[in-house]
Structures are given as C-alpha cells and as structure tokens.
Amino acid sequence: MYYQMGGACLMRYAMLIKNKVIEIVKSENEPFFPPDQRGNEVIARPCEDEAVEAGMYYDPVEKRYYKW
C-alpha cells in the first residue's frame, strides 16, 4: 500500500528483529535501523496489510504476518 504525502509516495514497512515486528514505518525509501543492543539485525519488510502491528510475527516461508 502506498500513501501520498506532499507529493512523495510513502510505502509501509514492518521493521523486524528475529521475525518479530518491532515497529511500522511509512517511508519513501526502505528504512534502515542499526542492530539492537545484542547485535540482532533489524530487517525492513514491505507490509501492505493495515492490520499488521508491533508485536506480531512474520513467517518468511509463507510470507505472512500473524499473532503469536
């Protein structure tokens, strides 16, 4: 899903650590977060589903989000 904001087209991203959604970000470009305090990589995944929220999990095999 794309969002229009002052001429810029924003896309919705789920920010993941170990496949857990830590934040939802709307950005023109793919966002980058540094690793967490334990060195775990933070990954940005495009997320079109408005129901996805922080605390959910991402299944990389099925490419879907779910509540635990």
PDB file of N, CA and C in Angstrom:
ATOM      1  N   MET A   1       0.848  -1.165   0.000  1.00  0.00           N
ATOM      2  CA  MET A   1       0.000   0.000   0.000  1.00  0.00           C
ATOM      3  C   MET A   1       0.899   1.236   0.000  1.00  0.00           C
ATOM      4  N   TYR A   2       0.514   2.202  -0.788  1.00  0.00           N
ATOM      5  CA  TYR A   2       1.271   3.439  -0.876  1.00  0.00           C
ATOM      6  C   TYR A   2       0.450   4.581  -0.298  1.00  0.00           C
ATOM      7  N   TYR A   3       1.128   5.525   0.325  1.00  0.00           N
ATOM      8  CA  TYR A   3       0.492   6.691   0.917  1.00  0.00           C
ATOM      9  C   TYR A   3       1.048   7.929   0.236  1.00  0.00           C
ATOM     10  N   GLN A   4       0.174   8.872  -0.071  1.00  0.00           N
ATOM     11  CA  GLN A   4       0.587  10.128  -0.678  1.00  0.00           C
ATOM     12  C   GLN A   4       0.785  11.159   0.419  1.00  0.00           C
ATOM     13  N   MET A   5       1.949  11.809   0.429  1.00  0.00           N
ATOM     14  CA  MET A   5       2.222  12.820   1.446  1.00  0.00           C
ATOM     15  C   MET A   5       3.018  13.948   0.815  1.00  0.00           C
ATOM     16  N   GLY A   6       2.350  15.042   0.491  1.00  0.00           N
ATOM     17  CA  GLY A   6       3.030  16.201  -0.069  1.00  0.00           C
ATOM     18  C   GLY A   6       3.808  15.890  -1.335  1.00  0.00           C
ATOM     19  N   GLY A   7       3.275  15.064  -2.219  1.00  0.00           N
ATOM     20  CA  GLY A   7       3.946  14.737  -3.458  1.00  0.00           C
ATOM     21  C   GLY A   7       4.823  13.492  -3.365  1.00  0.00           C
ATOM     22  N   ALA A   8       5.215  13.091  -2.170  1.00  0.00           N
ATOM     23  CA  ALA A   8       6.035  11.893  -2.004  1.00  0.00           C
ATOM     24  C   ALA A   8       5.126  10.677  -1.829  1.00  0.00           C
ATOM     25  N   CYS A   9       5.535   9.577  -2.396  1.00  0.00           N
ATOM     26  CA  CYS A   9       4.780   8.333  -2.275  1.00  0.00           C
ATOM     27  C   CYS A   9       5.432   7.491  -1.178  1.00  0.00           C
ATOM     28  N   LEU A  10       4.704   7.253  -0.114  1.00  0.00           N
ATOM     29  CA  LEU A  10       5.242   6.509   1.025  1.00  0.00           C
ATOM     30  C   LEU A  10       4.753   5.065   1.002  1.00  0.00           C
ATOM     31  N   MET A  11       5.651   4.164   1.349  1.00  0.00           N
ATOM     32  CA  MET A  11       5.297   2.761   1.458  1.00  0.00           C
ATOM     33  C   MET A  11       5.369   2.359   2.933  1.00  0.00           C
ATOM     34  N   ARG A  12       4.591   1.372   3.296  1.00  0.00           N
ATOM     35  CA  ARG A  12       4.534   0.900   4.678  1.00  0.00           C
ATOM     36  C   ARG A  12       5.494  -0.281   4.842  1.00  0.00           C
ATOM     37  N   TYR A  13       6.332  -0.215   5.887  1.00  0.00           N
ATOM     38  CA  TYR A  13       7.303  -1.270   6.174  1.00  0.00           C
ATOM     39  C   TYR A  13       7.128  -1.763   7.608  1.00  0.00           C
ATOM     40  N   ALA A  14       7.293  -3.082   7.784  1.00  0.00           N
ATOM     41  CA  ALA A  14       7.362  -3.671   9.117  1.00  0.00           C
ATOM     42  C   ALA A  14       8.843  -3.850   9.428  1.00  0.00           C
ATOM     43  N   MET A  15       9.275  -3.319  10.558  1.00  0.00           N
ATOM     44  CA  MET A  15      10.657  -3.475  10.998  1.00  0.00           C
ATOM     45  C   MET A  15      10.715  -4.701  11.903  1.00  0.00           C
ATOM     46  N   LEU A  16      11.589  -5.652  11.573  1.00  0.00           N
ATOM     47  CA  LEU A  16      11.624  -6.950  12.239  1.00  0.00           C
ATOM     48  C   LEU A  16      12.961  -7.227  12.920  1.00  0.00           C
ATOM     49  N   ILE A  17      12.887  -7.822  14.100  1.00  0.00           N
ATOM     50  CA  ILE A  17      14.043  -8.419  14.760  1.00  0.00           C
ATOM     51  C   ILE A  17      13.652  -9.862  15.045  1.00  0.00           C
ATOM     52  N   LYS A  18      14.430 -10.790  14.512  1.00  0.00           N
ATOM     53  CA  LYS A  18      14.145 -12.224  14.681  1.00  0.00           C
ATOM     54  C   LYS A  18      12.699 -12.534  14.301  1.00  0.00           C
ATOM     55  N   ASN A  19      12.234 -11.943  13.203  1.00  0.00           N
ATOM     56  CA  ASN A  19      10.892 -12.135  12.638  1.00  0.00           C
ATOM     57  C   ASN A  19       9.763 -11.568  13.495  1.00  0.00           C
ATOM     58  N   LYS A  20      10.071 -10.781  14.523  1.00  0.00           N
ATOM     59  CA  LYS A  20       9.041 -10.123  15.330  1.00  0.00           C
ATOM     60  C   LYS A  20       8.956  -8.655  14.910  1.00  0.00           C
ATOM     61  N   VAL A  21       7.739  -8.178  14.680  1.00  0.00           N
ATOM     62  CA  VAL A  21       7.526  -6.785  14.285  1.00  0.00           C
ATOM     63  C   VAL A  21       7.771  -5.883  15.493  1.00  0.00           C
ATOM     64  N   ILE A  22       8.733  -4.962  15.356  1.00  0.00           N
ATOM     65  CA  ILE A  22       9.032  -4.042  16.453  1.00  0.00           C
ATOM     66  C   ILE A  22       8.452  -2.656  16.193  1.00  0.00           C
ATOM     67  N   GLU A  23       8.180  -2.343  14.909  1.00  0.00           N
ATOM     68  CA  GLU A  23       7.650  -1.025  14.571  1.00  0.00           C
ATOM     69  C   GLU A  23       7.140  -1.048  13.137  1.00  0.00           C
ATOM     70  N   ILE A  24       6.151  -0.202  12.843  1.00  0.00           N
ATOM     71  CA  ILE A  24       5.674   0.011  11.485  1.00  0.00           C
ATOM     72  C   ILE A  24       6.130   1.400  11.068  1.00  0.00           C
ATOM     73  N   VAL A  25       6.744   1.489   9.884  1.00  0.00           N
ATOM     74  CA  VAL A  25       7.298   2.753   9.402  1.00  0.00           C
ATOM     75  C   VAL A  25       6.747   3.046   8.014  1.00  0.00           C
ATOM     76  N   LYS A  26       6.329   4.292   7.786  1.00  0.00           N
ATOM     77  CA  LYS A  26       5.939   4.734   6.447  1.00  0.00           C
ATOM     78  C   LYS A  26       7.087   5.571   5.904  1.00  0.00           C
ATOM     79  N   SER A  27       7.623   5.150   4.748  1.00  0.00           N
ATOM     80  CA  SER A  27       8.812   5.803   4.221  1.00  0.00           C
ATOM     81  C   SER A  27       8.824   5.765   2.702  1.00  0.00           C
ATOM     82  N   GLU A  28       9.445   6.783   2.109  1.00  0.00           N
ATOM     83  CA  GLU A  28       9.603   6.845   0.657  1.00  0.00           C
ATOM     84  C   GLU A  28      10.620   5.797   0.195  1.00  0.00           C
ATOM     85  N   ASN A  29      11.656   5.585   1.009  1.00  0.00           N
ATOM     86  CA  ASN A  29      12.694   4.599   0.724  1.00  0.00           C
ATOM     87  C   ASN A  29      12.707   3.548   1.826  1.00  0.00           C
ATOM     88  N   GLU A  30      13.295   2.385   1.518  1.00  0.00           N
ATOM     89  CA  GLU A  30      13.368   1.330   2.524  1.00  0.00           C
ATOM     90  C   GLU A  30      14.142   1.838   3.730  1.00  0.00           C
ATOM     91  N   PRO A  31      13.535   1.821   4.914  1.00  0.00           N
ATOM     92  CA  PRO A  31      14.211   2.341   6.107  1.00  0.00           C
ATOM     93  C   PRO A  31      15.348   1.432   6.563  1.00  0.00           C
ATOM     94  N   PHE A  32      16.293   2.018   7.283  1.00  0.00           N
ATOM     95  CA  PHE A  32      17.407   1.267   7.847  1.00  0.00           C
ATOM     96  C   PHE A  32      17.492   1.573   9.329  1.00  0.00           C
ATOM     97  N   PHE A  33      17.520   0.528  10.146  1.00  0.00           N
ATOM     98  CA  PHE A  33      17.731   0.662  11.575  1.00  0.00           C
ATOM     99  C   PHE A  33      19.041  -0.058  11.895  1.00  0.00           C
ATOM    100  N   PRO A  34      19.833   0.462  12.813  1.00  0.00           N
ATOM    101  CA  PRO A  34      21.045  -0.260  13.225  1.00  0.00           C
ATOM    102  C   PRO A  34      20.656  -1.497  14.037  1.00  0.00           C
ATOM    103  N   PRO A  35      21.590  -2.423  14.241  1.00  0.00           N
ATOM    104  CA  PRO A  35      21.297  -3.605  15.069  1.00  0.00           C
ATOM    105  C   PRO A  35      20.881  -3.182  16.481  1.00  0.00           C
ATOM    106  N   ASP A  36      20.137  -4.068  17.160  1.00  0.00           N
ATOM    107  CA  ASP A  36      19.755  -3.781  18.542  1.00  0.00           C
ATOM    108  C   ASP A  36      20.973  -3.932  19.454  1.00  0.00           C
ATOM    109  N   GLN A  37      20.769  -3.748  20.763  1.00  0.00           N
ATOM    110  CA  GLN A  37      21.885  -3.782  21.711  1.00  0.00           C
ATOM    111  C   GLN A  37      22.590  -5.137  21.757  1.00  0.00           C
ATOM    112  N   ARG A  38      21.896  -6.184  21.346  1.00  0.00           N
ATOM    113  CA  ARG A  38      22.500  -7.529  21.346  1.00  0.00           C
ATOM    114  C   ARG A  38      23.113  -7.888  20.001  1.00  0.00           C
ATOM    115  N   GLY A  39      23.065  -6.950  19.053  1.00  0.00           N
ATOM    116  CA  GLY A  39      23.655  -7.183  17.739  1.00  0.00           C
ATOM    117  C   GLY A  39      22.734  -7.847  16.741  1.00  0.00           C
ATOM    118  N   ASN A  40      21.438  -8.000  17.092  1.00  0.00           N
ATOM    119  CA  ASN A  40      20.481  -8.602  16.169  1.00  0.00           C
ATOM    120  C   ASN A  40      20.146  -7.622  15.047  1.00  0.00           C
ATOM    121  N   GLU A  41      20.165  -8.123  13.832  1.00  0.00           N
ATOM    122  CA  GLU A  41      19.873  -7.311  12.658  1.00  0.00           C
ATOM    123  C   GLU A  41      18.395  -6.898  12.634  1.00  0.00           C
ATOM    124  N   VAL A  42      18.143  -5.657  12.240  1.00  0.00           N
ATOM    125  CA  VAL A  42      16.775  -5.169  12.062  1.00  0.00           C
ATOM    126  C   VAL A  42      16.506  -5.162  10.560  1.00  0.00           C
ATOM    127  N   ILE A  43      15.454  -5.861  10.149  1.00  0.00           N
ATOM    128  CA  ILE A  43      15.131  -6.024   8.738  1.00  0.00           C
ATOM    129  C   ILE A  43      13.833  -5.286   8.418  1.00  0.00           C
ATOM    130  N   ALA A  44      13.813  -4.588   7.278  1.00  0.00           N
ATOM    131  CA  ALA A  44      12.598  -3.912   6.800  1.00  0.00           C
ATOM    132  C   ALA A  44      11.915  -4.806   5.771  1.00  0.00           C
ATOM    133  N   ARG A  45      10.633  -5.083   5.971  1.00  0.00           N
ATOM    134  CA  ARG A  45       9.849  -5.869   5.016  1.00  0.00           C
ATOM    135  C   ARG A  45       8.644  -5.036   4.591  1.00  0.00           C
ATOM    136  N   PRO A  46       8.394  -4.930   3.279  1.00  0.00           N
ATOM    137  CA  PRO A  46       7.190  -4.231   2.831  1.00  0.00           C
ATOM    138  C   PRO A  46       5.963  -4.875   3.469  1.00  0.00           C
ATOM    139  N   CYS A  47       5.023  -4.037   3.853  1.00  0.00           N
ATOM    140  CA  CYS A  47       3.848  -4.514   4.590  1.00  0.00           C
ATOM    141  C   CYS A  47       2.624  -3.748   4.106  1.00  0.00           C
ATOM    142  N   GLU A  48       1.789  -4.392   3.309  1.00  0.00           N
ATOM    143  CA  GLU A  48       0.603  -3.737   2.777  1.00  0.00           C
ATOM    144  C   GLU A  48      -0.620  -3.900   3.672  1.00  0.00           C
ATOM    145  N   ASP A  49      -0.588  -4.877   4.551  1.00  0.00           N
ATOM    146  CA  ASP A  49      -1.740  -5.182   5.398  1.00  0.00           C
ATOM    147  C   ASP A  49      -1.831  -4.189   6.558  1.00  0.00           C
ATOM    148  N   GLU A  50      -2.906  -3.420   6.601  1.00  0.00           N
ATOM    149  CA  GLU A  50      -3.109  -2.415   7.658  1.00  0.00           C
ATOM    150  C   GLU A  50      -3.281  -3.045   9.036  1.00  0.00           C
ATOM    151  N   ALA A  51      -3.615  -4.335   9.093  1.00  0.00           N
ATOM    152  CA  ALA A  51      -3.839  -4.997  10.377  1.00  0.00           C
ATOM    153  C   ALA A  51      -2.532  -5.368  11.078  1.00  0.00           C
ATOM    154  N   VAL A  52      -1.414  -5.328  10.352  1.00  0.00           N
ATOM    155  CA  VAL A  52      -0.126  -5.684  10.957  1.00  0.00           C
ATOM    156  C   VAL A  52       0.286  -4.602  11.936  1.00  0.00           C
ATOM    157  N   GLU A  53       0.716  -5.034  13.134  1.00  0.00           N
ATOM    158  CA  GLU A  53       1.111  -4.086  14.180  1.00  0.00           C
ATOM    159  C   GLU A  53       2.301  -4.634  14.954  1.00  0.00           C
ATOM    160  N   ALA A  54       2.914  -3.783  15.732  1.00  0.00           N
ATOM    161  CA  ALA A  54       4.051  -4.188  16.557  1.00  0.00           C
ATOM    162  C   ALA A  54       3.638  -5.337  17.466  1.00  0.00           C
ATOM    163  N   GLY A  55       4.531  -6.308  17.630  1.00  0.00           N
ATOM    164  CA  GLY A  55       4.257  -7.469  18.465  1.00  0.00           C
ATOM    165  C   GLY A  55       3.873  -8.705  17.669  1.00  0.00           C
ATOM    166  N   MET A  56       3.503  -8.519  16.399  1.00  0.00           N
ATOM    167  CA  MET A  56       3.159  -9.658  15.554  1.00  0.00           C
ATOM    168  C   MET A  56       4.444 -10.302  15.042  1.00  0.00           C
ATOM    169  N   TYR A  57       4.322 -11.462  14.420  1.00  0.00           N
ATOM    170  CA  TYR A  57       5.451 -12.189  13.862  1.00  0.00           C
ATOM    171  C   TYR A  57       5.295 -12.331  12.352  1.00  0.00           C
ATOM    172  N   TYR A  58       6.441 -12.483  11.677  1.00  0.00           N
ATOM    173  CA  TYR A  58       6.473 -12.660  10.232  1.00  0.00           C
ATOM    174  C   TYR A  58       6.986 -14.055   9.917  1.00  0.00           C
ATOM    175  N   ASP A  59       6.265 -14.785   9.065  1.00  0.00           N
ATOM    176  CA  ASP A  59       6.684 -16.104   8.618  1.00  0.00           C
ATOM    177  C   ASP A  59       7.338 -15.944   7.246  1.00  0.00           C
ATOM    178  N   PRO A  60       8.671 -16.051   7.158  1.00  0.00           N
ATOM    179  CA  PRO A  60       9.352 -15.832   5.881  1.00  0.00           C
ATOM    180  C   PRO A  60       9.063 -16.904   4.832  1.00  0.00           C
ATOM    181  N   VAL A  61       8.654 -18.095   5.253  1.00  0.00           N
ATOM    182  CA  VAL A  61       8.333 -19.161   4.303  1.00  0.00           C
ATOM    183  C   VAL A  61       6.997 -18.865   3.624  1.00  0.00           C
ATOM    184  N   GLU A  62       5.983 -18.558   4.435  1.00  0.00           N
ATOM    185  CA  GLU A  62       4.650 -18.276   3.895  1.00  0.00           C
ATOM    186  C   GLU A  62       4.467 -16.805   3.532  1.00  0.00           C
ATOM    187  N   LYS A  63       5.432 -15.959   3.926  1.00  0.00           N
ATOM    188  CA  LYS A  63       5.395 -14.516   3.666  1.00  0.00           C
ATOM    189  C   LYS A  63       4.099 -13.882   4.183  1.00  0.00           C
ATOM    190  N   ARG A  64       3.812 -14.166   5.462  1.00  0.00           N
ATOM    191  CA  ARG A  64       2.617 -13.585   6.077  1.00  0.00           C
ATOM    192  C   ARG A  64       2.916 -13.214   7.526  1.00  0.00           C
ATOM    193  N   TYR A  65       2.083 -12.337   8.071  1.00  0.00           N
ATOM    194  CA  TYR A  65       2.202 -11.879   9.448  1.00  0.00           C
ATOM    195  C   TYR A  65       1.120 -12.561  10.281  1.00  0.00           C
ATOM    196  N   TYR A  66       1.427 -12.842  11.541  1.00  0.00           N
ATOM    197  CA  TYR A  66       0.451 -13.480  12.423  1.00  0.00           C
ATOM    198  C   TYR A  66       0.691 -13.082  13.862  1.00  0.00           C
ATOM    199  N   LYS A  67      -0.337 -13.259  14.685  1.00  0.00           N
ATOM    200  CA  LYS A  67      -0.211 -13.027  16.128  1.00  0.00           C
ATOM    201  C   LYS A  67       0.183 -14.333  16.768  1.00  0.00           C
ATOM    202  N   TRP A  68       1.036 -14.288  17.765  1.00  0.00           N
ATOM    203  CA  TRP A  68       1.515 -15.474  18.451  1.00  0.00           C
ATOM    204  C   TRP A  68       0.572 -15.904  19.506  1.00  0.00           C
TER     205      TRP A  68
END
